[in-house]
Amino acid sequence: MTRTTALICSACLSLLVVTGCQQSDLPLNGGHDLMAAPIGTISAYQLAGRLDLDVSENSGQMATLTGPGNVVVIYADPNGGAYVNGVAVPDAGPVSTVGDMVFVSNELDGRLRGFLRKAPKPVPLPRIKPPSPPPRRMRVVIDPGHGGKDPGAISIIGAYEKTIVLDASLAVAGLLSGRGMDVILTRRGDRFVELNERADIANRRRADALVSIHADHCPNPSVTGFTIYIARSASSRSQKLANCIADALQSAGVSSRGIRRAGYRVLYRSVCPAVLVELGYLSNSWEASKLSRSDYRRKLAAAVGRGVLDYEKQVLGY
């Protein structure tokens, strides 16, 4: 081995070590802000989604959930502190915080339901048959990972994750918009977006689904294939969305590393069903080369878009 060859090999090894990866059995941060939620708990945002309420405050010490005729206040307390419309809810604990997020027992929504006021019955209107409205289309948020000052992973041939996933995400958005779906992008260019803001965009716009798109990296250069992540306390609809996208990618001939659960903020902070799709591994020279080609990114985008459309059909019935 010449001195030049040795220096090149050493530089490549350093790049892999610095970048890091998600191991096959336990994903690491990888730029997605991995946070270990207490076992058997859900976030205040997931609780709000189950109860059809909005999170109006989340200070890290308390969370306030509001809706028509109801105010739910949850205090961080090992014994549990929950009040519905000023009435204390017994056996609400434990309530804990991790970072700026309040986490509660996975069964708390069942205890709170009996204290919530029912929405007032609507006043009946004269029975006039209106023209049939067009079928409601799903509103989906497409989130290209990283951006701006955060490049994400760097491929073995020097391509940035932020650039690859933006191009793929724009293609997914174009496909879904062309099929009549309401599509929102968290970024359209090389712009940095805070992790909280990505999920908050979906929450503010009352999206029906959020799909965050990334590319992976691993010290083992032989690892290839797509991976789909859902929250540790994911809803059945998040699982269904992940299954639809995974089936479409596999049908397109992309090898699968399965559907896994992780504590990524974009997943557990989202009220709507949410998935994070890793399109492939930038640390594998063969897959990095394919991900750098626009035709291959279009193939992946078409598969992801087809999975979202299949999910819409299963959920809305068309």
C-alpha atoms as a PDB file:
ATOM      1  CA  MET A   1       0.000   0.000   0.000  1.00  0.00           C
ATOM      2  CA  THR A   2       1.426   3.391  -0.968  1.00  0.00           C
ATOM      3  CA  ARG A   3       1.565   6.297   1.481  1.00  0.00           C
ATOM      4  CA  THR A   4      -1.148   8.133  -0.583  1.00  0.00           C
ATOM      5  CA  THR A   5      -3.485   5.111  -0.456  1.00  0.00           C
ATOM      6  CA  ALA A   6      -2.985   4.762   3.303  1.00  0.00           C
ATOM      7  CA  LEU A   7      -3.868   8.436   3.869  1.00  0.00           C
ATOM      8  CA  ILE A   8      -7.089   8.094   1.811  1.00  0.00           C
ATOM      9  CA  CYS A   9      -8.181   4.979   3.758  1.00  0.00           C
ATOM     10  CA  SER A  10      -7.443   6.712   7.058  1.00  0.00           C
ATOM     11  CA  ALA A  11      -9.579   9.742   6.023  1.00  0.00           C
ATOM     12  CA  CYS A  12     -12.526   7.527   5.018  1.00  0.00           C
ATOM     13  CA  LEU A  13     -12.371   5.650   8.344  1.00  0.00           C
ATOM     14  CA  SER A  14     -12.328   8.960  10.253  1.00  0.00           C
ATOM     15  CA  LEU A  15     -15.419  10.153   8.364  1.00  0.00           C
ATOM     16  CA  LEU A  16     -17.373   7.016   9.327  1.00  0.00           C
ATOM     17  CA  VAL A  17     -16.364   7.263  12.985  1.00  0.00           C
ATOM     18  CA  VAL A  18     -17.321  10.953  13.223  1.00  0.00           C
ATOM     19  CA  THR A  19     -20.658  10.509  11.476  1.00  0.00           C
ATOM     20  CA  GLY A  20     -21.916   7.529  13.513  1.00  0.00           C
ATOM     21  CA  CYS A  21     -25.024   5.499  12.698  1.00  0.00           C
ATOM     22  CA  GLN A  22     -28.095   3.817  14.036  1.00  0.00           C
ATOM     23  CA  GLN A  23     -27.226   0.291  15.113  1.00  0.00           C
ATOM     24  CA  SER A  24     -29.362  -2.585  13.903  1.00  0.00           C
ATOM     25  CA  ASP A  25     -31.023  -3.126  17.274  1.00  0.00           C
ATOM     26  CA  LEU A  26     -30.958   0.358  18.870  1.00  0.00           C
ATOM     27  CA  PRO A  27     -30.795   3.549  16.743  1.00  0.00           C
ATOM     28  CA  LEU A  28     -28.563   6.397  17.921  1.00  0.00           C
ATOM     29  CA  ASN A  29     -29.230  10.107  17.545  1.00  0.00           C
ATOM     30  CA  GLY A  30     -28.075  10.515  13.934  1.00  0.00           C
ATOM     31  CA  GLY A  31     -29.291  14.136  13.926  1.00  0.00           C
ATOM     32  CA  HIS A  32     -32.900  13.241  14.770  1.00  0.00           C
ATOM     33  CA  ASP A  33     -32.725  14.230  18.489  1.00  0.00           C
ATOM     34  CA  LEU A  34     -33.274  10.793  20.039  1.00  0.00           C
ATOM     35  CA  MET A  35     -34.874  11.095  23.495  1.00  0.00           C
ATOM     36  CA  ALA A  36     -35.542   8.155  25.814  1.00  0.00           C
ATOM     37  CA  ALA A  37     -39.146   8.509  26.998  1.00  0.00           C
ATOM     38  CA  PRO A  38     -39.989   6.638  30.224  1.00  0.00           C
ATOM     39  CA  ILE A  39     -41.229   3.121  29.555  1.00  0.00           C
ATOM     40  CA  GLY A  40     -45.017   2.808  29.423  1.00  0.00           C
ATOM     41  CA  THR A  41     -45.629   6.518  28.866  1.00  0.00           C
ATOM     42  CA  ILE A  42     -46.854   8.813  26.100  1.00  0.00           C
ATOM     43  CA  SER A  43     -46.119  12.495  25.514  1.00  0.00           C
ATOM     44  CA  ALA A  44     -48.603  15.278  26.234  1.00  0.00           C
ATOM     45  CA  TYR A  45     -49.025  15.695  22.465  1.00  0.00           C
ATOM     46  CA  GLN A  46     -49.895  12.019  22.009  1.00  0.00           C
ATOM     47  CA  LEU A  47     -52.379  12.263  24.914  1.00  0.00           C
ATOM     48  CA  ALA A  48     -53.970  15.306  23.260  1.00  0.00           C
ATOM     49  CA  GLY A  49     -54.344  13.379  20.022  1.00  0.00           C
ATOM     50  CA  ARG A  50     -56.121  10.513  21.784  1.00  0.00           C
ATOM     51  CA  LEU A  51     -58.549  12.898  23.518  1.00  0.00           C
ATOM     52  CA  ASP A  52     -59.100  15.142  20.468  1.00  0.00           C
ATOM     53  CA  LEU A  53     -57.695  18.151  22.345  1.00  0.00           C
ATOM     54  CA  ASP A  54     -55.015  20.760  21.578  1.00  0.00           C
ATOM     55  CA  VAL A  55     -51.826  21.401  23.587  1.00  0.00           C
ATOM     56  CA  SER A  56     -52.035  25.080  24.529  1.00  0.00           C
ATOM     57  CA  GLU A  57     -49.106  25.000  26.981  1.00  0.00           C
ATOM     58  CA  ASN A  58     -46.127  22.706  27.550  1.00  0.00           C
ATOM     59  CA  SER A  59     -43.616  24.315  29.896  1.00  0.00           C
ATOM     60  CA  GLY A  60     -41.680  21.229  30.953  1.00  0.00           C
ATOM     61  CA  GLN A  61     -43.290  21.363  34.420  1.00  0.00           C
ATOM     62  CA  MET A  62     -46.901  21.248  33.289  1.00  0.00           C
ATOM     63  CA  ALA A  63     -49.026  20.748  30.202  1.00  0.00           C
ATOM     64  CA  THR A  64     -52.424  22.258  29.426  1.00  0.00           C
ATOM     65  CA  LEU A  65     -54.779  20.561  26.960  1.00  0.00           C
ATOM     66  CA  THR A  66     -57.861  22.411  25.748  1.00  0.00           C
ATOM     67  CA  GLY A  67     -60.916  21.725  23.628  1.00  0.00           C
ATOM     68  CA  PRO A  68     -64.593  22.720  23.409  1.00  0.00           C
ATOM     69  CA  GLY A  69     -65.809  22.947  27.016  1.00  0.00           C
ATOM     70  CA  ASN A  70     -62.738  21.225  28.497  1.00  0.00           C
ATOM     71  CA  VAL A  71     -59.442  22.214  30.114  1.00  0.00           C
ATOM     72  CA  VAL A  72     -57.022  19.485  31.213  1.00  0.00           C
ATOM     73  CA  VAL A  73     -54.006  20.513  33.340  1.00  0.00           C
ATOM     74  CA  ILE A  74     -51.239  18.012  34.090  1.00  0.00           C
ATOM     75  CA  TYR A  75     -48.476  18.768  36.605  1.00  0.00           C
ATOM     76  CA  ALA A  76     -45.143  16.948  36.721  1.00  0.00           C
ATOM     77  CA  ASP A  77     -45.492  14.917  39.907  1.00  0.00           C
ATOM     78  CA  PRO A  78     -44.255  11.371  40.730  1.00  0.00           C
ATOM     79  CA  ASN A  79     -47.696  10.706  42.238  1.00  0.00           C
ATOM     80  CA  GLY A  80     -49.508  12.196  39.262  1.00  0.00           C
ATOM     81  CA  GLY A  81     -51.226  15.545  39.121  1.00  0.00           C
ATOM     82  CA  ALA A  82     -54.090  15.860  36.650  1.00  0.00           C
ATOM     83  CA  TYR A  83     -57.149  18.126  36.734  1.00  0.00           C
ATOM     84  CA  VAL A  84     -60.075  18.190  34.322  1.00  0.00           C
ATOM     85  CA  ASN A  85     -62.101  21.404  34.464  1.00  0.00           C
ATOM     86  CA  GLY A  86     -60.723  22.031  37.966  1.00  0.00           C
ATOM     87  CA  VAL A  87     -61.546  18.539  39.284  1.00  0.00           C
ATOM     88  CA  ALA A  88     -58.646  16.373  40.460  1.00  0.00           C
ATOM     89  CA  VAL A  89     -58.357  13.021  38.691  1.00  0.00           C
ATOM     90  CA  PRO A  90     -57.362  10.231  41.133  1.00  0.00           C
ATOM     91  CA  ASP A  91     -54.593   7.768  40.296  1.00  0.00           C
ATOM     92  CA  ALA A  92     -53.300   9.922  37.452  1.00  0.00           C
ATOM     93  CA  GLY A  93     -49.629   9.214  38.019  1.00  0.00           C
ATOM     94  CA  PRO A  94     -46.897   9.004  37.360  1.00  0.00           C
ATOM     95  CA  VAL A  95     -46.265  12.254  35.483  1.00  0.00           C
ATOM     96  CA  SER A  96     -42.669  13.009  34.512  1.00  0.00           C
ATOM     97  CA  THR A  97     -40.646  15.299  32.279  1.00  0.00           C
ATOM     98  CA  VAL A  98     -37.777  14.634  29.910  1.00  0.00           C
ATOM     99  CA  GLY A  99     -36.213  17.831  28.578  1.00  0.00           C
ATOM    100  CA  ASP A 100     -39.121  20.177  27.842  1.00  0.00           C
ATOM    101  CA  MET A 101     -41.700  17.424  27.371  1.00  0.00           C
ATOM    102  CA  VAL A 102     -44.320  16.133  29.834  1.00  0.00           C
ATOM    103  CA  PHE A 103     -44.891  12.358  29.770  1.00  0.00           C
ATOM    104  CA  VAL A 104     -47.857  10.558  31.350  1.00  0.00           C
ATOM    105  CA  SER A 105     -49.008   6.997  31.850  1.00  0.00           C
ATOM    106  CA  ASN A 106     -50.066   5.217  28.664  1.00  0.00           C
ATOM    107  CA  GLU A 107     -53.465   4.537  30.341  1.00  0.00           C
ATOM    108  CA  LEU A 108     -54.164   8.101  31.510  1.00  0.00           C
ATOM    109  CA  ASP A 109     -56.442   8.916  28.569  1.00  0.00           C
ATOM    110  CA  GLY A 110     -58.881   6.236  29.782  1.00  0.00           C
ATOM    111  CA  ARG A 111     -59.022   7.801  33.266  1.00  0.00           C
ATOM    112  CA  LEU A 112     -59.556  11.303  31.900  1.00  0.00           C
ATOM    113  CA  ARG A 113     -62.414  10.467  29.541  1.00  0.00           C
ATOM    114  CA  GLY A 114     -64.964  10.094  32.341  1.00  0.00           C
ATOM    115  CA  PHE A 115     -64.236  13.645  33.516  1.00  0.00           C
ATOM    116  CA  LEU A 116     -64.504  15.345  30.113  1.00  0.00           C
ATOM    117  CA  ARG A 117     -67.660  17.221  29.180  1.00  0.00           C
ATOM    118  CA  LYS A 118     -69.432  16.003  26.088  1.00  0.00           C
ATOM    119  CA  ALA A 119     -69.627  18.410  23.189  1.00  0.00           C
ATOM    120  CA  PRO A 120     -73.029  20.114  22.961  1.00  0.00           C
ATOM    121  CA  LYS A 121     -75.430  18.552  20.509  1.00  0.00           C
ATOM    122  CA  PRO A 122     -75.830  20.602  17.330  1.00  0.00           C
ATOM    123  CA  VAL A 123     -79.139  22.327  16.681  1.00  0.00           C
ATOM    124  CA  PRO A 124     -80.944  20.441  13.892  1.00  0.00           C
ATOM    125  CA  LEU A 125     -81.301  22.399  10.662  1.00  0.00           C
ATOM    126  CA  PRO A 126     -83.974  22.101   8.011  1.00  0.00           C
ATOM    127  CA  ARG A 127     -83.430  18.975   5.950  1.00  0.00           C
ATOM    128  CA  ILE A 128     -82.198  20.414   2.672  1.00  0.00           C
ATOM    129  CA  LYS A 129     -80.153  18.025   0.615  1.00  0.00           C
ATOM    130  CA  PRO A 130     -76.995  19.848  -0.498  1.00  0.00           C
ATOM    131  CA  PRO A 131     -74.992  18.825  -3.536  1.00  0.00           C
ATOM    132  CA  SER A 132     -72.554  16.049  -2.787  1.00  0.00           C
ATOM    133  CA  PRO A 133     -69.173  17.542  -1.866  1.00  0.00           C
ATOM    134  CA  PRO A 134     -66.017  16.125  -3.384  1.00  0.00           C
ATOM    135  CA  PRO A 135     -64.383  13.456  -1.215  1.00  0.00           C
ATOM    136  CA  ARG A 136     -62.099  14.876   1.451  1.00  0.00           C
ATOM    137  CA  ARG A 137     -58.439  14.378   0.632  1.00  0.00           C
ATOM    138  CA  MET A 138     -55.823  13.782   3.268  1.00  0.00           C
ATOM    139  CA  ARG A 139     -53.532  16.610   4.401  1.00  0.00           C
ATOM    140  CA  VAL A 140     -49.953  15.348   4.711  1.00  0.00           C
ATOM    141  CA  VAL A 141     -46.768  17.078   5.873  1.00  0.00           C
ATOM    142  CA  ILE A 142     -43.564  16.019   4.075  1.00  0.00           C
ATOM    143  CA  ASP A 143     -40.481  16.812   6.169  1.00  0.00           C
ATOM    144  CA  PRO A 144     -37.090  16.783   4.387  1.00  0.00           C
ATOM    145  CA  GLY A 145     -34.581  16.072   7.177  1.00  0.00           C
ATOM    146  CA  HIS A 146     -31.763  18.436   8.199  1.00  0.00           C
ATOM    147  CA  GLY A 147     -31.036  21.536   6.037  1.00  0.00           C
ATOM    148  CA  GLY A 148     -29.050  24.762   6.210  1.00  0.00           C
ATOM    149  CA  LYS A 149     -26.321  24.610   8.855  1.00  0.00           C
ATOM    150  CA  ASP A 150     -27.237  20.965   9.575  1.00  0.00           C
ATOM    151  CA  PRO A 151     -26.027  18.840   6.603  1.00  0.00           C
ATOM    152  CA  GLY A 152     -26.960  15.498   8.171  1.00  0.00           C
ATOM    153  CA  ALA A 153     -24.854  12.505   7.158  1.00  0.00           C
ATOM    154  CA  ILE A 154     -22.197  12.803   4.450  1.00  0.00           C
ATOM    155  CA  SER A 155     -21.993   9.991   1.936  1.00  0.00           C
ATOM    156  CA  ILE A 156     -18.844   8.028   1.226  1.00  0.00           C
ATOM    157  CA  ILE A 157     -18.633   9.893  -2.104  1.00  0.00           C
ATOM    158  CA  GLY A 158     -19.138  13.323  -0.513  1.00  0.00           C
ATOM    159  CA  ALA A 159     -22.878  13.972  -1.012  1.00  0.00           C
ATOM    160  CA  TYR A 160     -24.883  15.645   1.782  1.00  0.00           C
ATOM    161  CA  GLU A 161     -27.940  13.969   3.275  1.00  0.00           C
ATOM    162  CA  LYS A 162     -29.800  17.301   3.366  1.00  0.00           C
ATOM    163  CA  THR A 163     -29.481  17.667  -0.416  1.00  0.00           C
ATOM    164  CA  ILE A 164     -30.491  14.092  -1.259  1.00  0.00           C
ATOM    165  CA  VAL A 165     -33.568  14.044   0.973  1.00  0.00           C
ATOM    166  CA  LEU A 166     -34.763  17.500  -0.139  1.00  0.00           C
ATOM    167  CA  ASP A 167     -34.821  16.368  -3.773  1.00  0.00           C
ATOM    168  CA  ALA A 168     -36.642  13.138  -2.868  1.00  0.00           C
ATOM    169  CA  SER A 169     -39.128  15.010  -0.645  1.00  0.00           C
ATOM    170  CA  LEU A 170     -39.965  17.533  -3.373  1.00  0.00           C
ATOM    171  CA  ALA A 171     -40.656  14.618  -5.719  1.00  0.00           C
ATOM    172  CA  VAL A 172     -42.958  12.964  -3.144  1.00  0.00           C
ATOM    173  CA  ALA A 173     -44.805  16.261  -2.607  1.00  0.00           C
ATOM    174  CA  GLY A 174     -45.216  16.774  -6.365  1.00  0.00           C
ATOM    175  CA  LEU A 175     -46.613  13.279  -6.842  1.00  0.00           C
ATOM    176  CA  LEU A 176     -49.145  13.616  -4.008  1.00  0.00           C
ATOM    177  CA  SER A 177     -50.196  17.140  -5.028  1.00  0.00           C
ATOM    178  CA  GLY A 178     -50.746  15.898  -8.565  1.00  0.00           C
ATOM    179  CA  ARG A 179     -53.128  13.270  -7.185  1.00  0.00           C
ATOM    180  CA  GLY A 180     -55.180  15.954  -5.413  1.00  0.00           C
ATOM    181  CA  MET A 181     -53.767  15.604  -1.912  1.00  0.00           C
ATOM    182  CA  ASP A 182     -53.162  18.648   0.330  1.00  0.00           C
ATOM    183  CA  VAL A 183     -49.361  18.662   0.822  1.00  0.00           C
ATOM    184  CA  ILE A 184     -47.296  20.852   3.170  1.00  0.00           C
ATOM    185  CA  LEU A 185     -43.460  20.908   3.106  1.00  0.00           C
ATOM    186  CA  THR A 186     -41.479  21.873   6.227  1.00  0.00           C
ATOM    187  CA  ARG A 187     -38.793  23.295   3.917  1.00  0.00           C
ATOM    188  CA  ARG A 188     -38.517  23.862   0.161  1.00  0.00           C
ATOM    189  CA  GLY A 189     -34.856  24.839   0.022  1.00  0.00           C
ATOM    190  CA  ASP A 190     -31.574  24.556   1.918  1.00  0.00           C
ATOM    191  CA  ARG A 191     -33.003  26.051   5.128  1.00  0.00           C
ATOM    192  CA  PHE A 192     -32.500  25.022   8.763  1.00  0.00           C
ATOM    193  CA  VAL A 193     -35.720  24.110  10.603  1.00  0.00           C
ATOM    194  CA  GLU A 194     -35.802  23.474  14.362  1.00  0.00           C
ATOM    195  CA  LEU A 195     -36.783  19.930  15.401  1.00  0.00           C
ATOM    196  CA  ASN A 196     -39.793  21.106  17.440  1.00  0.00           C
ATOM    197  CA  GLU A 197     -41.027  23.242  14.554  1.00  0.00           C
ATOM    198  CA  ARG A 198     -41.191  20.276  12.173  1.00  0.00           C
ATOM    199  CA  ALA A 199     -43.815  18.517  14.285  1.00  0.00           C
ATOM    200  CA  ASP A 200     -45.486  21.790  15.293  1.00  0.00           C
ATOM    201  CA  ILE A 201     -46.158  22.605  11.621  1.00  0.00           C
ATOM    202  CA  ALA A 202     -48.157  19.380  11.344  1.00  0.00           C
ATOM    203  CA  ASN A 203     -49.960  20.102  14.629  1.00  0.00           C
ATOM    204  CA  ARG A 204     -50.894  23.679  13.692  1.00  0.00           C
ATOM    205  CA  ARG A 205     -52.160  22.664  10.256  1.00  0.00           C
ATOM    206  CA  ARG A 206     -54.080  19.689  11.688  1.00  0.00           C
ATOM    207  CA  ALA A 207     -52.374  17.297   9.300  1.00  0.00           C
ATOM    208  CA  ASP A 208     -53.609  13.748   8.822  1.00  0.00           C
ATOM    209  CA  ALA A 209     -50.071  12.363   8.527  1.00  0.00           C
ATOM    210  CA  LEU A 210     -46.418  13.406   8.752  1.00  0.00           C
ATOM    211  CA  VAL A 211     -43.633  11.720   6.749  1.00  0.00           C
ATOM    212  CA  SER A 212     -40.064  12.730   7.663  1.00  0.00           C
ATOM    213  CA  ILE A 213     -37.500  11.676   5.041  1.00  0.00           C
ATOM    214  CA  HIS A 214     -33.816  10.958   5.788  1.00  0.00           C
ATOM    215  CA  ALA A 215     -30.824   8.873   4.689  1.00  0.00           C
ATOM    216  CA  ASP A 216     -28.795   6.726   7.092  1.00  0.00           C
ATOM    217  CA  HIS A 217     -25.088   6.170   7.865  1.00  0.00           C
ATOM    218  CA  CYS A 218     -23.238   3.303   9.566  1.00  0.00           C
ATOM    219  CA  PRO A 219     -19.598   2.363  10.337  1.00  0.00           C
ATOM    220  CA  ASN A 220     -20.257  -1.008   8.701  1.00  0.00           C
ATOM    221  CA  PRO A 221     -20.069  -0.156   4.965  1.00  0.00           C
ATOM    222  CA  SER A 222     -21.886  -3.352   3.954  1.00  0.00           C
ATOM    223  CA  VAL A 223     -25.216  -2.274   5.530  1.00  0.00           C
ATOM    224  CA  THR A 224     -27.901  -1.305   2.974  1.00  0.00           C
ATOM    225  CA  GLY A 225     -31.668  -0.916   2.721  1.00  0.00           C
ATOM    226  CA  PHE A 226     -34.445   1.362   3.920  1.00  0.00           C
ATOM    227  CA  THR A 227     -35.685   1.582   7.522  1.00  0.00           C
ATOM    228  CA  ILE A 228     -38.942   3.101   8.802  1.00  0.00           C
ATOM    229  CA  TYR A 229     -39.268   4.413  12.362  1.00  0.00           C
ATOM    230  CA  ILE A 230     -42.393   5.077  14.417  1.00  0.00           C
ATOM    231  CA  ALA A 231     -42.719   6.397  17.982  1.00  0.00           C
ATOM    232  CA  ARG A 232     -42.330   3.943  20.859  1.00  0.00           C
ATOM    233  CA  SER A 233     -45.968   4.569  21.802  1.00  0.00           C
ATOM    234  CA  ALA A 234     -47.129   4.909  18.195  1.00  0.00           C
ATOM    235  CA  SER A 235     -50.815   4.716  17.327  1.00  0.00           C
ATOM    236  CA  SER A 236     -52.251   1.958  15.161  1.00  0.00           C
ATOM    237  CA  ARG A 237     -52.548   4.482  12.329  1.00  0.00           C
ATOM    238  CA  SER A 238     -48.827   5.305  12.536  1.00  0.00           C
ATOM    239  CA  GLN A 239     -48.152   1.577  12.287  1.00  0.00           C
ATOM    240  CA  LYS A 240     -50.507   1.332   9.293  1.00  0.00           C
ATOM    241  CA  LEU A 241     -48.807   4.280   7.548  1.00  0.00           C
ATOM    242  CA  ALA A 242     -45.400   2.658   8.111  1.00  0.00           C
ATOM    243  CA  ASN A 243     -46.654  -0.671   6.740  1.00  0.00           C
ATOM    244  CA  CYS A 244     -48.054   0.960   3.585  1.00  0.00           C
ATOM    245  CA  ILE A 245     -44.803   2.799   2.807  1.00  0.00           C
ATOM    246  CA  ALA A 246     -42.681  -0.281   3.606  1.00  0.00           C
ATOM    247  CA  ASP A 247     -44.806  -2.466   1.298  1.00  0.00           C
ATOM    248  CA  ALA A 248     -44.505   0.076  -1.546  1.00  0.00           C
ATOM    249  CA  LEU A 249     -40.707   0.362  -1.188  1.00  0.00           C
ATOM    250  CA  GLN A 250     -40.307  -3.409  -1.136  1.00  0.00           C
ATOM    251  CA  SER A 251     -42.531  -3.721  -4.214  1.00  0.00           C
ATOM    252  CA  ALA A 252     -40.163  -1.262  -5.928  1.00  0.00           C
ATOM    253  CA  GLY A 253     -37.288  -3.662  -5.264  1.00  0.00           C
ATOM    254  CA  VAL A 254     -35.674  -1.809  -2.334  1.00  0.00           C
ATOM    255  CA  SER A 255     -34.308  -4.061   0.419  1.00  0.00           C
ATOM    256  CA  SER A 256     -35.869  -3.561   3.846  1.00  0.00           C
ATOM    257  CA  ARG A 257     -34.363  -3.336   7.329  1.00  0.00           C
ATOM    258  CA  GLY A 258     -37.822  -3.313   8.836  1.00  0.00           C
ATOM    259  CA  ILE A 259     -40.086  -1.037  10.882  1.00  0.00           C
ATOM    260  CA  ARG A 260     -38.617   0.027  14.236  1.00  0.00           C
ATOM    261  CA  ARG A 261     -39.615   2.139  17.209  1.00  0.00           C
ATOM    262  CA  ALA A 262     -37.555   5.109  18.398  1.00  0.00           C
ATOM    263  CA  GLY A 263     -37.824   8.277  20.480  1.00  0.00           C
ATOM    264  CA  TYR A 264     -37.330  10.822  17.704  1.00  0.00           C
ATOM    265  CA  ARG A 265     -38.871  14.177  18.545  1.00  0.00           C
ATOM    266  CA  VAL A 266     -40.622  14.564  15.188  1.00  0.00           C
ATOM    267  CA  LEU A 267     -42.462  11.306  15.970  1.00  0.00           C
ATOM    268  CA  TYR A 268     -43.520  11.641  19.616  1.00  0.00           C
ATOM    269  CA  ARG A 269     -44.283  15.375  19.390  1.00  0.00           C
ATOM    270  CA  SER A 270     -46.697  14.928  16.451  1.00  0.00           C
ATOM    271  CA  VAL A 271     -50.403  14.585  17.211  1.00  0.00           C
ATOM    272  CA  CYS A 272     -51.115  12.981  13.829  1.00  0.00           C
ATOM    273  CA  PRO A 273     -49.766   9.610  12.633  1.00  0.00           C
ATOM    274  CA  ALA A 274     -46.052  10.075  11.903  1.00  0.00           C
ATOM    275  CA  VAL A 275     -43.203   8.051  10.401  1.00  0.00           C
ATOM    276  CA  LEU A 276     -39.521   8.681   9.722  1.00  0.00           C
ATOM    277  CA  VAL A 277     -38.209   7.013   6.536  1.00  0.00           C
ATOM    278  CA  GLU A 278     -34.478   6.307   6.103  1.00  0.00           C
ATOM    279  CA  LEU A 279     -34.147   5.826   2.323  1.00  0.00           C
ATOM    280  CA  GLY A 280     -30.815   3.975   2.454  1.00  0.00           C
ATOM    281  CA  TYR A 281     -27.225   4.073   3.708  1.00  0.00           C
ATOM    282  CA  LEU A 282     -24.819   6.788   2.577  1.00  0.00           C
ATOM    283  CA  SER A 283     -21.964   4.796   4.129  1.00  0.00           C
ATOM    284  CA  ASN A 284     -22.337   2.032   1.536  1.00  0.00           C
ATOM    285  CA  SER A 285     -20.576   2.972  -1.727  1.00  0.00           C
ATOM    286  CA  TRP A 286     -23.105   1.142  -3.913  1.00  0.00           C
ATOM    287  CA  GLU A 287     -26.164   2.631  -2.209  1.00  0.00           C
ATOM    288  CA  ALA A 288     -24.554   6.089  -1.868  1.00  0.00           C
ATOM    289  CA  SER A 289     -23.910   6.097  -5.610  1.00  0.00           C
ATOM    290  CA  LYS A 290     -27.558   5.204  -6.312  1.00  0.00           C
ATOM    291  CA  LEU A 291     -28.881   7.827  -3.877  1.00  0.00           C
ATOM    292  CA  SER A 292     -26.801  10.444  -5.698  1.00  0.00           C
ATOM    293  CA  ARG A 293     -28.700   9.714  -8.953  1.00  0.00           C
ATOM    294  CA  SER A 294     -31.892  11.672  -9.590  1.00  0.00           C
ATOM    295  CA  ASP A 295     -33.566   8.731 -11.357  1.00  0.00           C
ATOM    296  CA  TYR A 296     -33.111   6.499  -8.302  1.00  0.00           C
ATOM    297  CA  ARG A 297     -34.392   9.216  -5.968  1.00  0.00           C
ATOM    298  CA  ARG A 298     -37.473   9.518  -8.213  1.00  0.00           C
ATOM    299  CA  LYS A 299     -37.979   5.756  -7.899  1.00  0.00           C
ATOM    300  CA  LEU A 300     -37.842   5.985  -4.092  1.00  0.00           C
ATOM    301  CA  ALA A 301     -40.125   9.046  -4.072  1.00  0.00           C
ATOM    302  CA  ALA A 302     -42.683   7.281  -6.249  1.00  0.00           C
ATOM    303  CA  ALA A 303     -42.723   4.334  -3.835  1.00  0.00           C
ATOM    304  CA  VAL A 304     -43.101   6.560  -0.742  1.00  0.00           C
ATOM    305  CA  GLY A 305     -45.888   8.515  -2.451  1.00  0.00           C
ATOM    306  CA  ARG A 306     -47.659   5.299  -3.443  1.00  0.00           C
ATOM    307  CA  GLY A 307     -47.473   4.129   0.175  1.00  0.00           C
ATOM    308  CA  VAL A 308     -49.079   7.373   1.406  1.00  0.00           C
ATOM    309  CA  LEU A 309     -51.846   7.037  -1.202  1.00  0.00           C
ATOM    310  CA  ASP A 310     -52.459   3.420  -0.137  1.00  0.00           C
ATOM    311  CA  TYR A 311     -52.709   4.594   3.471  1.00  0.00           C
ATOM    312  CA  GLU A 312     -55.229   7.290   2.467  1.00  0.00           C
ATOM    313  CA  LYS A 313     -57.319   4.673   0.671  1.00  0.00           C
ATOM    314  CA  GLN A 314     -57.340   2.402   3.722  1.00  0.00           C
ATOM    315  CA  VAL A 315     -58.201   5.204   6.159  1.00  0.00           C
ATOM    316  CA  LEU A 316     -60.676   7.257   4.082  1.00  0.00           C
ATOM    317  CA  GLY A 317     -62.025   4.419   1.951  1.00  0.00           C
ATOM    318  CA  TYR A 318     -61.032   5.558  -1.560  1.00  0.00           C
END
